[in-house]
Protein backbone atom coordinates (compact mmCIF):
# COMPACT_ATOMS: atom_id res chain seq x y z
CA MET A 1 14.44 29.00 1.21
CA PRO A 2 17.23 26.42 1.06
CA ASP A 3 20.74 27.72 0.45
CA TYR A 4 21.42 25.08 -2.22
CA PRO A 5 20.04 24.84 -5.74
CA PHE A 6 17.03 22.57 -5.81
CA THR A 7 15.52 21.17 -8.95
CA ALA A 8 12.51 18.90 -8.78
CA VAL A 9 13.35 15.47 -10.18
CA PRO A 10 10.55 13.47 -11.79
CA ALA A 11 9.80 10.18 -10.03
CA ALA A 12 10.93 8.35 -13.16
CA ASP A 13 14.47 9.71 -12.64
CA ALA A 14 14.64 9.65 -8.84
CA LEU A 15 17.00 7.27 -7.05
CA LEU A 16 14.74 7.12 -4.01
CA LEU A 17 10.96 7.05 -4.18
CA ARG A 18 8.33 7.98 -1.65
CA VAL A 19 5.84 5.21 -0.88
CA GLU A 20 3.20 7.27 -2.69
CA GLU A 21 5.39 7.29 -5.81
CA ALA A 22 6.29 3.59 -5.68
CA ALA A 23 2.72 2.37 -5.17
CA PRO A 24 1.36 3.27 -8.63
CA LEU A 25 4.51 1.92 -10.29
CA LEU A 26 3.74 -1.46 -8.70
CA ARG A 27 -0.01 -1.02 -9.28
CA LEU A 28 -0.55 -1.33 -5.53
CA SER A 29 -2.06 0.87 -2.87
CA ARG A 30 0.01 2.86 -0.41
CA THR A 31 -1.16 0.50 2.36
CA GLU A 32 -0.08 -2.57 0.38
CA VAL A 33 3.38 -1.10 -0.18
CA PHE A 34 3.77 -0.39 3.54
CA ALA A 35 2.71 -4.01 4.23
CA LEU A 36 5.40 -5.31 1.84
CA ILE A 37 7.98 -3.16 3.61
CA LYS A 38 6.85 -4.39 7.03
CA LYS A 39 7.08 -8.04 5.87
CA GLY A 40 10.59 -7.40 4.54
CA GLU A 41 9.58 -8.18 0.95
CA LEU A 42 10.30 -4.67 -0.33
CA ALA A 43 13.51 -2.94 0.74
CA SER A 44 13.34 0.59 2.05
CA ILE A 45 15.44 3.00 4.02
CA LYS A 46 14.55 5.50 6.68
CA ILE A 47 15.90 9.02 6.50
CA GLY A 48 14.87 10.80 9.65
CA ARG A 49 11.13 10.17 9.86
CA ARG A 50 10.82 9.62 6.12
CA ARG A 51 10.60 6.21 4.45
CA ARG A 52 12.18 5.93 0.99
CA ILE A 53 12.30 3.04 -1.46
CA PRO A 54 15.37 2.68 -3.66
CA ARG A 55 14.36 2.39 -7.31
CA GLN A 56 16.37 -0.85 -7.55
CA ALA A 57 14.22 -2.33 -4.75
CA LEU A 58 11.21 -2.32 -7.10
CA ASP A 59 13.12 -4.39 -9.66
CA ASP A 60 14.40 -6.72 -6.93
CA TYR A 61 10.87 -7.24 -5.59
CA ILE A 62 9.52 -8.06 -9.04
CA ALA A 63 12.41 -10.45 -9.74
CA ALA A 64 11.75 -12.26 -6.44
CA GLN A 65 8.08 -12.61 -7.30
CA LEU A 66 8.90 -13.99 -10.75
CA ALA A 67 11.33 -16.50 -9.24
CA GLN A 68 8.57 -18.15 -7.21
CA PRO A 69 7.17 -21.40 -8.59
CA GLY A 70 4.18 -20.85 -10.85
CA ALA A 71 4.64 -17.08 -10.99
CA ILE A 72 4.80 -16.85 -14.77
CA ASP A 73 2.40 -19.51 -15.98
CA GLY A 74 0.07 -19.53 -13.00
CA THR A 75 0.68 -23.17 -12.02
CA GLN A 76 2.03 -24.39 -8.73
CA ALA A 77 5.13 -26.58 -8.61
């Protein structure tokens, strides 16, 4: 038992997300999220052997996708 008070925080309120928590928020699979991390398209940090995704990284990824030509209306520039 840890010697500090621990309260489970819902994923919606967490500052750092596990890949398994981020994947459904992006409507992607766990494998697809790991691929985005590997390509450098989705920021993440490593804490020991654990990989965590800052909540802000999800917003940054979406903003980068929307900034690409044709992202909103489906046409290519």
